[in-house]
Amino acid sequence: MAGLDIYFDALEDCATAVNSVANQFKSLADEGPASAGSCFGALDGKSGKLVQAVNTLEKKINSETRHVQQNLNKVEAALHKVVENIRRIDHPDSGAEQA
């Protein structure tokens, strides 16, 4: 399987790009949801319900952001695993243990 280094480089570049995006999502998630109540103070009546709705939305966005970040980390790991498996197939005598 000579000539696969170009493909390995492409897979590694993809993994690097995925890692970069995952880190961006992690930064967003680490900032955490802002509380509308902390921005506007205690609000009663319909305004209070709006604050609750905004807070619920912020929490959902935060949860989804963390979920995206975790899935991107899995994609990165999978790309590295593909490279590792192909290298093991390409060089079976390198002492790497076959699964």
Protein backbone atom coordinates (compact mmCIF):
# COMPACT_ATOMS: atom_id res chain seq x y z
CA MET A 1 0.00 0.00 0.00
CA ALA A 2 2.74 2.39 -0.93
CA GLY A 3 1.77 5.99 -1.44
CA LEU A 4 -0.70 6.12 1.43
CA ASP A 5 1.21 8.87 3.25
CA ILE A 6 -0.79 11.51 1.39
CA TYR A 7 -4.00 9.98 2.72
CA PHE A 8 -2.56 9.73 6.23
CA ASP A 9 -1.68 13.42 6.09
CA ALA A 10 -5.20 14.25 4.94
CA LEU A 11 -6.73 12.23 7.77
CA GLU A 12 -4.38 13.83 10.30
CA ASP A 13 -5.28 17.29 8.93
CA CYS A 14 -8.97 16.43 9.34
CA ALA A 15 -8.35 15.28 12.92
CA THR A 16 -6.51 18.52 13.66
CA ALA A 17 -9.35 20.59 12.20
CA VAL A 18 -11.93 18.62 14.18
CA ASN A 19 -9.92 19.15 17.35
CA SER A 20 -9.82 22.89 16.72
CA VAL A 21 -13.58 23.08 16.27
CA ALA A 22 -14.14 20.86 19.32
CA ASN A 23 -12.02 23.25 21.39
CA GLN A 24 -14.12 26.18 20.19
CA PHE A 25 -17.30 24.40 21.30
CA LYS A 26 -15.63 23.53 24.62
CA SER A 27 -14.82 27.20 25.17
CA LEU A 28 -18.43 28.12 24.49
CA ALA A 29 -19.69 25.45 26.85
CA ASP A 30 -17.21 26.41 29.57
CA GLU A 31 -18.51 29.97 29.51
CA GLY A 32 -21.78 28.48 30.68
CA PRO A 33 -25.24 29.82 30.18
CA ALA A 34 -25.89 33.37 31.24
CA SER A 35 -28.85 33.88 33.50
CA ALA A 36 -31.36 36.38 32.17
CA GLY A 37 -32.27 37.13 35.77
CA SER A 38 -28.73 38.21 36.50
CA CYS A 39 -28.91 40.63 33.57
CA PHE A 40 -32.30 42.16 34.38
CA GLY A 41 -32.74 41.49 38.09
CA ALA A 42 -35.85 39.94 39.60
CA LEU A 43 -38.81 40.25 37.26
CA ASP A 44 -42.40 39.36 38.05
CA GLY A 45 -45.36 38.38 35.94
CA LYS A 46 -44.89 37.83 32.23
CA SER A 47 -41.37 39.24 32.37
CA GLY A 48 -40.50 36.59 34.95
CA LYS A 49 -41.84 33.89 32.64
CA LEU A 50 -39.74 35.29 29.82
CA VAL A 51 -36.67 35.12 32.05
CA GLN A 52 -37.45 31.47 32.82
CA ALA A 53 -37.89 30.69 29.13
CA VAL A 54 -34.61 32.40 28.24
CA ASN A 55 -32.80 30.57 31.04
CA THR A 56 -34.22 27.24 29.83
CA LEU A 57 -33.11 28.03 26.29
CA GLU A 58 -29.61 29.00 27.49
CA LYS A 59 -29.29 25.72 29.41
CA LYS A 60 -30.40 23.74 26.36
CA ILE A 61 -27.88 25.55 24.15
CA ASN A 62 -25.15 24.84 26.70
CA SER A 63 -26.12 21.16 26.83
CA GLU A 64 -26.15 20.86 23.05
CA THR A 65 -22.82 22.68 22.78
CA ARG A 66 -21.22 20.19 25.17
CA HIS A 67 -22.79 17.32 23.21
CA VAL A 68 -21.32 18.63 19.94
CA GLN A 69 -17.90 19.06 21.56
CA GLN A 70 -17.96 15.49 22.90
CA ASN A 71 -19.00 14.07 19.53
CA LEU A 72 -16.27 16.03 17.75
CA ASN A 73 -13.74 14.57 20.17
CA LYS A 74 -15.02 11.10 19.22
CA VAL A 75 -14.64 11.93 15.52
CA GLU A 76 -11.06 13.04 16.12
CA ALA A 77 -10.28 9.80 17.98
CA ALA A 78 -11.89 7.75 15.20
CA LEU A 79 -9.78 9.48 12.55
CA HIS A 80 -6.62 8.69 14.51
CA LYS A 81 -7.79 5.08 14.86
CA VAL A 82 -8.32 4.81 11.08
CA VAL A 83 -4.77 6.01 10.46
CA GLU A 84 -3.44 3.58 13.08
CA ASN A 85 -5.34 0.63 11.61
CA ILE A 86 -4.28 1.36 8.03
CA ARG A 87 -0.65 1.79 9.09
CA ARG A 88 -0.84 -1.57 10.90
CA ILE A 89 -2.24 -3.22 7.75
CA ASP A 90 0.33 -1.46 5.56
CA HIS A 91 3.23 -2.56 7.81
CA PRO A 92 2.18 -5.85 9.42
CA ASP A 93 5.78 -6.74 10.35
CA SER A 94 6.28 -3.61 12.46
CA GLY A 95 5.53 -5.51 15.65
CA ALA A 96 2.11 -3.90 16.12
CA GLU A 97 -0.32 -6.35 17.61
CA GLN A 98 -3.20 -7.31 15.30
CA ALA A 99 -6.69 -6.97 16.77
